[in-house]
C-alpha atoms as a PDB file:
ATOM      1  CA  MET A   1      16.716 102.532  92.688  1.00  0.00           C
ATOM      2  CA  ALA A   2      16.708 101.952  89.073  1.00  0.00           C
ATOM      3  CA  GLU A   3      14.124  99.881  87.801  1.00  0.00           C
ATOM      4  CA  GLN A   4      15.618  96.858  85.709  1.00  0.00           C
ATOM      5  CA  LYS A   5      14.747  96.763  81.441  1.00  0.00           C
ATOM      6  CA  GLN A   6      13.072  93.588  80.853  1.00  0.00           C
ATOM      7  CA  GLU A   7      12.481  92.132  77.465  1.00  0.00           C
ATOM      8  CA  ILE A   8      10.031  89.841  76.214  1.00  0.00           C
ATOM      9  CA  PHE A   9      10.868  86.375  75.214  1.00  0.00           C
ATOM     10  CA  SER A  10       8.407  84.096  73.586  1.00  0.00           C
ATOM     11  CA  PHE A  11       8.493  80.084  72.946  1.00  0.00           C
ATOM     12  CA  LYS A  12       6.724  77.242  71.752  1.00  0.00           C
ATOM     13  CA  VAL A  13       4.819  74.346  73.979  1.00  0.00           C
ATOM     14  CA  GLU A  14       2.896  71.520  72.991  1.00  0.00           C
ATOM     15  CA  ALA A  15      -0.935  72.147  73.311  1.00  0.00           C
ATOM     16  CA  GLU A  16      -0.737  69.976  76.702  1.00  0.00           C
ATOM     17  CA  LEU A  17       1.708  72.385  78.252  1.00  0.00           C
ATOM     18  CA  ALA A  18      -0.097  75.306  77.080  1.00  0.00           C
ATOM     19  CA  HIS A  19      -3.284  74.215  78.653  1.00  0.00           C
ATOM     20  CA  ILE A  20      -1.659  73.622  82.158  1.00  0.00           C
ATOM     21  CA  LEU A  21       0.324  76.978  82.116  1.00  0.00           C
ATOM     22  CA  LYS A  22      -2.986  78.974  81.410  1.00  0.00           C
ATOM     23  CA  THR A  23      -4.321  77.535  85.127  1.00  0.00           C
ATOM     24  CA  ILE A  24      -1.439  79.092  86.487  1.00  0.00           C
ATOM     25  CA  PRO A  25      -2.248  82.827  88.304  1.00  0.00           C
ATOM     26  CA  ASN A  26       0.917  84.337  87.152  1.00  0.00           C
ATOM     27  CA  ARG A  27       2.298  82.346  84.760  1.00  0.00           C
ATOM     28  CA  SER A  28       5.266  84.837  83.982  1.00  0.00           C
ATOM     29  CA  GLN A  29       6.531  84.939  87.157  1.00  0.00           C
ATOM     30  CA  PHE A  30       6.413  80.908  87.541  1.00  0.00           C
ATOM     31  CA  ILE A  31       8.313  80.592  84.032  1.00  0.00           C
ATOM     32  CA  ARG A  32      10.842  83.243  85.197  1.00  0.00           C
ATOM     33  CA  ASN A  33      11.408  81.149  88.507  1.00  0.00           C
ATOM     34  CA  ALA A  34      11.255  77.863  86.966  1.00  0.00           C
ATOM     35  CA  ILE A  35      14.203  79.416  84.602  1.00  0.00           C
ATOM     36  CA  MET A  36      16.151  80.901  87.190  1.00  0.00           C
ATOM     37  CA  LYS A  37      15.897  77.442  89.310  1.00  0.00           C
ATOM     38  CA  SER A  38      16.921  75.506  86.151  1.00  0.00           C
ATOM     39  CA  LEU A  39      20.087  77.846  85.701  1.00  0.00           C
ATOM     40  CA  GLU A  40      21.008  76.760  89.587  1.00  0.00           C
ATOM     41  CA  ASN A  41      21.133  73.455  88.675  1.00  0.00           C
ATOM     42  CA  VAL A  42      23.094  73.425  85.423  1.00  0.00           C
ATOM     43  CA  CYS A  43      25.941  70.726  84.487  1.00  0.00           C
ATOM     44  CA  PRO A  44      29.138  72.233  84.582  1.00  0.00           C
ATOM     45  CA  LEU A  45      30.635  69.914  82.071  1.00  0.00           C
ATOM     46  CA  CYS A  46      27.917  69.799  79.767  1.00  0.00           C
ATOM     47  CA  GLU A  47      26.824  73.059  80.710  1.00  0.00           C
ATOM     48  CA  GLY A  48      23.115  72.039  80.154  1.00  0.00           C
ATOM     49  CA  THR A  49      23.065  70.571  77.131  1.00  0.00           C
ATOM     50  CA  GLY A  50      22.854  67.147  78.015  1.00  0.00           C
ATOM     51  CA  ILE A  51      25.847  66.472  75.242  1.00  0.00           C
ATOM     52  CA  LEU A  52      29.251  65.763  75.615  1.00  0.00           C
ATOM     53  CA  SER A  53      31.422  67.438  72.683  1.00  0.00           C
ATOM     54  CA  PRO A  54      33.652  65.131  71.238  1.00  0.00           C
ATOM     55  CA  CYS A  55      36.545  66.534  73.309  1.00  0.00           C
ATOM     56  CA  GLN A  56      34.724  66.865  76.457  1.00  0.00           C
ATOM     57  CA  LYS A  57      33.710  63.031  76.069  1.00  0.00           C
ATOM     58  CA  GLU A  58      37.578  62.418  75.219  1.00  0.00           C
ATOM     59  CA  HIS A  59      38.552  64.121  78.971  1.00  0.00           C
ATOM     60  CA  TRP A  60      35.612  62.367  80.709  1.00  0.00           C
ATOM     61  CA  GLU A  61      37.270  59.233  79.490  1.00  0.00           C
ATOM     62  CA  SER A  62      40.251  59.947  81.122  1.00  0.00           C
ATOM     63  CA  PHE A  63      38.863  61.357  84.275  1.00  0.00           C
ATOM     64  CA  GLN A  64      36.648  58.011  85.101  1.00  0.00           C
ATOM     65  CA  HIS A  65      39.426  56.230  85.251  1.00  0.00           C
ATOM     66  CA  SER A  66      40.015  57.624  88.877  1.00  0.00           C
ATOM     67  CA  HIS A  67      36.168  58.737  89.050  1.00  0.00           C
ATOM     68  CA  HIS A  68      33.168  56.280  89.038  1.00  0.00           C
ATOM     69  CA  ILE A  69      29.565  57.264  89.105  1.00  0.00           C
ATOM     70  CA  ILE A  70      27.736  56.019  92.022  1.00  0.00           C
ATOM     71  CA  ARG A  71      24.283  55.737  93.142  1.00  0.00           C
ATOM     72  CA  CYS A  72      23.274  56.996  96.503  1.00  0.00           C
ATOM     73  CA  GLY A  73      21.795  53.986  98.586  1.00  0.00           C
ATOM     74  CA  GLU A  74      19.071  56.805 100.426  1.00  0.00           C
ATOM     75  CA  CYS A  75      17.951  58.810  97.637  1.00  0.00           C
ATOM     76  CA  GLU A  76      18.748  56.678  94.700  1.00  0.00           C
ATOM     77  CA  LEU A  77      20.591  59.705  92.818  1.00  0.00           C
ATOM     78  CA  ALA A  78      23.912  59.327  91.131  1.00  0.00           C
ATOM     79  CA  TYR A  79      26.822  61.131  92.215  1.00  0.00           C
ATOM     80  CA  ILE A  80      30.807  61.321  91.226  1.00  0.00           C
ATOM     81  CA  GLU A  81      32.850  59.506  93.508  1.00  0.00           C
ATOM     82  CA  CYS A  82      36.664  59.877  93.274  1.00  0.00           C
ATOM     83  CA  THR A  83      38.678  56.605  93.715  1.00  0.00           C
ATOM     84  CA  HIS A  84      41.969  58.022  93.284  1.00  0.00           C
ATOM     85  CA  ASP A  85      43.219  57.094  96.375  1.00  0.00           C
ATOM     86  CA  LYS A  86      41.566  53.903  97.567  1.00  0.00           C
END
């Protein structure tokens, strides 16, 4: 099996985060795992930006007429519920 080519990425962090990361034995693997986990949970609408474009906002406003954001009584997290046929 051929070995995958690796690339080096660097990024800036605050001093406090740098201090914490330095205590992790294999911080490269930890950071790779954290990034991969985050990519599995990217919002499909904003694609991880946290911001809707004006066009996306317009689509959302139309969509929300038959959908509402509900807070779960058990886990207390928000989710979207379709109310079209209710």
